[in-house]
Amino acid sequence: MPLTTSQKKYLRGLTHDLKPVVMIADKGLSDNVLAEIEQALDHHELIKIKLRGDREQRGEWIARLIASTGAEKVHSIGQVVCLYRRHPKKPVIALPR
């Protein structure tokens, strides 16, 4: 289910205090990094990821992250992207309607 504008706005407010849980750098988006992101999404639902690469590379990484995790992009600013994926059984974040 895609996020509404008001839900994205709410989640953006929550991301201000978050610190990046994963950093993707020179070695790129490996299977180990994807597994760590999956685990972080399961545990936190809303995560911040630091992407250390040029603009084109960051765009490819973001597209691959969204496709492989099923998460929604809340926003991205510079080298940081914030992703949200609701936990199917025990949601932690209550989204507005």
Protein backbone atom coordinates (compact mmCIF):
# COMPACT_ATOMS: atom_id res chain seq x y z
CA MET A 1 0.00 0.00 0.00
CA PRO A 2 1.58 3.31 -1.06
CA LEU A 3 2.02 6.00 1.55
CA THR A 4 -0.16 9.10 1.37
CA THR A 5 1.31 12.59 1.40
CA SER A 6 0.32 13.16 5.02
CA GLN A 7 1.86 9.84 6.06
CA LYS A 8 5.14 10.72 4.32
CA LYS A 9 5.12 14.11 6.01
CA TYR A 10 4.61 12.45 9.40
CA LEU A 11 7.42 9.94 8.76
CA ARG A 12 9.76 12.71 7.57
CA GLY A 13 9.28 14.37 10.94
CA LEU A 14 10.26 11.14 12.69
CA THR A 15 13.44 10.76 10.63
CA HIS A 16 15.06 13.95 11.92
CA ASP A 17 16.28 12.31 15.13
CA LEU A 18 17.37 9.03 13.48
CA LYS A 19 20.98 8.15 12.91
CA PRO A 20 21.96 6.07 9.85
CA VAL A 21 21.82 2.35 10.67
CA VAL A 22 23.64 1.22 7.50
CA MET A 23 26.21 2.86 5.24
CA ILE A 24 26.69 1.81 1.63
CA ALA A 25 30.11 2.81 0.28
CA ASP A 26 32.81 1.65 -2.15
CA LYS A 27 31.89 -2.03 -2.22
CA GLY A 28 28.30 -1.20 -3.12
CA LEU A 29 25.07 -2.95 -2.29
CA SER A 30 26.16 -6.49 -1.42
CA ASP A 31 23.98 -9.35 -0.20
CA ASN A 32 25.27 -8.82 3.34
CA VAL A 33 24.28 -5.16 3.28
CA LEU A 34 20.82 -6.06 1.94
CA ALA A 35 20.40 -8.62 4.73
CA GLU A 36 21.35 -5.99 7.32
CA ILE A 37 18.83 -3.54 5.85
CA GLU A 38 16.11 -6.22 5.88
CA GLN A 39 16.84 -6.92 9.53
CA ALA A 40 16.81 -3.20 10.40
CA LEU A 41 13.47 -2.69 8.60
CA ASP A 42 11.96 -5.65 10.46
CA HIS A 43 13.11 -4.26 13.78
CA HIS A 44 12.64 -0.49 13.33
CA GLU A 45 10.24 -0.07 10.36
CA LEU A 46 11.72 3.39 9.63
CA ILE A 47 15.45 3.58 8.91
CA LYS A 48 18.01 6.03 7.61
CA ILE A 49 20.74 4.83 5.24
CA LYS A 50 23.91 6.69 4.29
CA LEU A 51 24.90 6.31 0.61
CA ARG A 52 28.52 7.18 -0.21
CA GLY A 53 28.67 7.44 -3.99
CA ASP A 54 28.00 9.79 -6.87
CA ARG A 55 24.48 10.90 -7.70
CA GLU A 56 23.89 8.34 -10.43
CA GLN A 57 25.15 5.48 -8.27
CA ARG A 58 22.98 6.59 -5.32
CA GLY A 59 19.91 6.59 -7.57
CA GLU A 60 20.63 3.04 -8.70
CA TRP A 61 21.15 1.89 -5.11
CA ILE A 62 17.88 3.48 -3.98
CA ALA A 63 15.94 1.83 -6.81
CA ARG A 64 17.50 -1.54 -5.99
CA LEU A 65 16.80 -1.12 -2.27
CA ILE A 66 13.14 -0.35 -2.89
CA ALA A 67 12.75 -3.24 -5.32
CA SER A 68 14.47 -5.83 -3.15
CA THR A 69 13.06 -4.87 0.27
CA GLY A 70 9.54 -3.78 -0.65
CA ALA A 71 10.06 -0.63 1.41
CA GLU A 72 8.75 2.84 0.57
CA LYS A 73 11.08 5.79 0.14
CA VAL A 74 10.07 8.48 2.62
CA HIS A 75 12.61 10.95 1.29
CA SER A 76 16.21 11.37 0.25
CA ILE A 77 18.46 14.35 0.81
CA GLY A 78 22.00 14.31 -0.53
CA GLN A 79 23.71 11.13 0.62
CA VAL A 80 20.92 10.01 2.96
CA VAL A 81 17.78 8.04 2.16
CA CYS A 82 15.00 7.13 4.59
CA LEU A 83 12.94 3.98 4.02
CA TYR A 84 9.76 2.71 5.67
CA ARG A 85 8.28 -0.77 5.67
CA ARG A 86 5.44 -1.65 8.00
CA HIS A 87 5.93 -4.76 10.11
CA PRO A 88 3.22 -7.24 9.07
CA LYS A 89 2.50 -8.61 12.55
CA LYS A 90 3.62 -6.02 15.11
CA PRO A 91 3.60 -2.48 13.68
CA VAL A 92 5.68 -0.08 15.76
CA ILE A 93 4.71 3.22 14.12
CA ALA A 94 1.07 4.29 14.01
CA LEU A 95 0.55 6.20 10.76
CA PRO A 96 -2.04 8.96 10.40
CA ARG A 97 -4.79 8.43 7.86
